[in-house]
Amino acid sequence: MAQSPSTLPVYAPEDQRLLASVALASEKEISGALQAADGTRQVLASESPKVRSARLKWIAKAIQGKADSFAQIICDEAGNA
């Protein structure tokens, strides 16, 4: 995985193998992301509870579908692979 000044390598504590290279955001990128999130919050607030519920259920299903992958990543990062 390539590393640039805007990325940070993540190593497994158990054997020091490279797990990933994660992005590091600039202040401008963070500010933009926060503004986008606030805009989305306002849109969601205008939707009915039924629509918001459907969105959250879709997100939960997507997360559950990747549960094993997430668990493996957490174990690798903690050194409990």
C-alpha atoms as a PDB file:
ATOM      1  CA  MET A   1       0.000   0.000   0.000  1.00  0.00           C
ATOM      2  CA  ALA A   2       1.380   3.356  -0.987  1.00  0.00           C
ATOM      3  CA  GLN A   3       1.989   5.945   1.663  1.00  0.00           C
ATOM      4  CA  SER A   4       1.880   9.664   1.000  1.00  0.00           C
ATOM      5  CA  PRO A   5       2.048  12.629   3.359  1.00  0.00           C
ATOM      6  CA  SER A   6      -1.734  12.421   3.638  1.00  0.00           C
ATOM      7  CA  THR A   7      -1.819   8.787   4.769  1.00  0.00           C
ATOM      8  CA  LEU A   8      -0.771   6.907   7.866  1.00  0.00           C
ATOM      9  CA  PRO A   9       0.268   3.254   7.936  1.00  0.00           C
ATOM     10  CA  VAL A  10      -1.502   0.973  10.417  1.00  0.00           C
ATOM     11  CA  TYR A  11       0.554  -1.989  11.623  1.00  0.00           C
ATOM     12  CA  ALA A  12      -0.512  -5.115  13.477  1.00  0.00           C
ATOM     13  CA  PRO A  13       1.026  -4.976  16.968  1.00  0.00           C
ATOM     14  CA  GLU A  14       1.412  -8.744  16.966  1.00  0.00           C
ATOM     15  CA  ASP A  15       3.782  -9.052  13.995  1.00  0.00           C
ATOM     16  CA  GLN A  16       4.188  -5.506  12.611  1.00  0.00           C
ATOM     17  CA  ARG A  17       2.648  -6.412   9.246  1.00  0.00           C
ATOM     18  CA  LEU A  18       1.044  -3.543   7.389  1.00  0.00           C
ATOM     19  CA  LEU A  19      -2.733  -3.766   7.792  1.00  0.00           C
ATOM     20  CA  ALA A  20      -3.768  -0.627   5.946  1.00  0.00           C
ATOM     21  CA  SER A  21      -2.885   2.874   4.997  1.00  0.00           C
ATOM     22  CA  VAL A  22      -5.497   5.312   6.237  1.00  0.00           C
ATOM     23  CA  ALA A  23      -6.189   8.812   4.995  1.00  0.00           C
ATOM     24  CA  LEU A  24      -5.305  11.833   7.082  1.00  0.00           C
ATOM     25  CA  ALA A  25      -7.620  14.754   6.469  1.00  0.00           C
ATOM     26  CA  SER A  26      -6.539  18.376   6.313  1.00  0.00           C
ATOM     27  CA  GLU A  27      -8.366  21.053   8.302  1.00  0.00           C
ATOM     28  CA  LYS A  28     -10.093  22.115   5.071  1.00  0.00           C
ATOM     29  CA  GLU A  29     -11.254  18.547   4.380  1.00  0.00           C
ATOM     30  CA  ILE A  30     -12.504  18.136   7.944  1.00  0.00           C
ATOM     31  CA  SER A  31     -14.395  21.429   7.738  1.00  0.00           C
ATOM     32  CA  GLY A  32     -15.963  20.363   4.432  1.00  0.00           C
ATOM     33  CA  ALA A  33     -16.988  17.009   5.858  1.00  0.00           C
ATOM     34  CA  LEU A  34     -18.575  18.666   8.899  1.00  0.00           C
ATOM     35  CA  GLN A  35     -20.483  21.090   6.688  1.00  0.00           C
ATOM     36  CA  ALA A  36     -21.712  18.227   4.508  1.00  0.00           C
ATOM     37  CA  ALA A  37     -22.791  16.276   7.594  1.00  0.00           C
ATOM     38  CA  ASP A  38     -24.673  19.287   8.913  1.00  0.00           C
ATOM     39  CA  GLY A  39     -26.440  19.681   5.567  1.00  0.00           C
ATOM     40  CA  THR A  40     -27.392  16.022   5.616  1.00  0.00           C
ATOM     41  CA  ARG A  41     -28.636  16.337   9.196  1.00  0.00           C
ATOM     42  CA  GLN A  42     -30.952  19.127   8.123  1.00  0.00           C
ATOM     43  CA  VAL A  43     -32.301  17.028   5.229  1.00  0.00           C
ATOM     44  CA  LEU A  44     -32.866  14.037   7.504  1.00  0.00           C
ATOM     45  CA  ALA A  45     -34.629  16.217  10.074  1.00  0.00           C
ATOM     46  CA  SER A  46     -37.161  17.188   7.417  1.00  0.00           C
ATOM     47  CA  GLU A  47     -37.985  13.557   6.583  1.00  0.00           C
ATOM     48  CA  SER A  48     -40.656  11.520   8.253  1.00  0.00           C
ATOM     49  CA  PRO A  49     -39.725   9.092  11.023  1.00  0.00           C
ATOM     50  CA  LYS A  50     -40.727   6.232   8.699  1.00  0.00           C
ATOM     51  CA  VAL A  51     -38.230   7.331   6.026  1.00  0.00           C
ATOM     52  CA  ARG A  52     -35.458   7.880   8.600  1.00  0.00           C
ATOM     53  CA  SER A  53     -36.183   4.461  10.070  1.00  0.00           C
ATOM     54  CA  ALA A  54     -35.910   2.827   6.657  1.00  0.00           C
ATOM     55  CA  ARG A  55     -32.561   4.553   6.055  1.00  0.00           C
ATOM     56  CA  LEU A  56     -31.193   3.384   9.415  1.00  0.00           C
ATOM     57  CA  LYS A  57     -32.376  -0.177   8.824  1.00  0.00           C
ATOM     58  CA  TRP A  58     -30.606  -0.182   5.447  1.00  0.00           C
ATOM     59  CA  ILE A  59     -27.385   1.054   7.081  1.00  0.00           C
ATOM     60  CA  ALA A  60     -27.664  -1.533   9.868  1.00  0.00           C
ATOM     61  CA  LYS A  61     -28.153  -4.329   7.342  1.00  0.00           C
ATOM     62  CA  ALA A  62     -25.085  -3.190   5.394  1.00  0.00           C
ATOM     63  CA  ILE A  63     -22.987  -3.144   8.577  1.00  0.00           C
ATOM     64  CA  GLN A  64     -24.266  -6.572   9.660  1.00  0.00           C
ATOM     65  CA  GLY A  65     -23.304  -7.951   6.258  1.00  0.00           C
ATOM     66  CA  LYS A  66     -19.696  -6.979   6.944  1.00  0.00           C
ATOM     67  CA  ALA A  67     -19.607  -7.953  10.618  1.00  0.00           C
ATOM     68  CA  ASP A  68     -17.019 -10.724  10.154  1.00  0.00           C
ATOM     69  CA  SER A  69     -14.730  -8.407   8.213  1.00  0.00           C
ATOM     70  CA  PHE A  70     -15.049  -5.682  10.851  1.00  0.00           C
ATOM     71  CA  ALA A  71     -14.344  -8.192  13.624  1.00  0.00           C
ATOM     72  CA  GLN A  72     -11.183  -9.384  11.861  1.00  0.00           C
ATOM     73  CA  ILE A  73      -9.936  -5.825  11.405  1.00  0.00           C
ATOM     74  CA  ILE A  74     -10.519  -5.049  15.086  1.00  0.00           C
ATOM     75  CA  CYS A  75      -8.692  -8.230  16.131  1.00  0.00           C
ATOM     76  CA  ASP A  76      -5.768  -7.451  13.812  1.00  0.00           C
ATOM     77  CA  GLU A  77      -5.478  -3.895  15.143  1.00  0.00           C
ATOM     78  CA  ALA A  78      -5.583  -5.145  18.731  1.00  0.00           C
ATOM     79  CA  GLY A  79      -3.087  -7.929  18.106  1.00  0.00           C
ATOM     80  CA  ASN A  80      -5.592 -10.693  18.852  1.00  0.00           C
ATOM     81  CA  ALA A  81      -5.720 -12.299  15.419  1.00  0.00           C
END
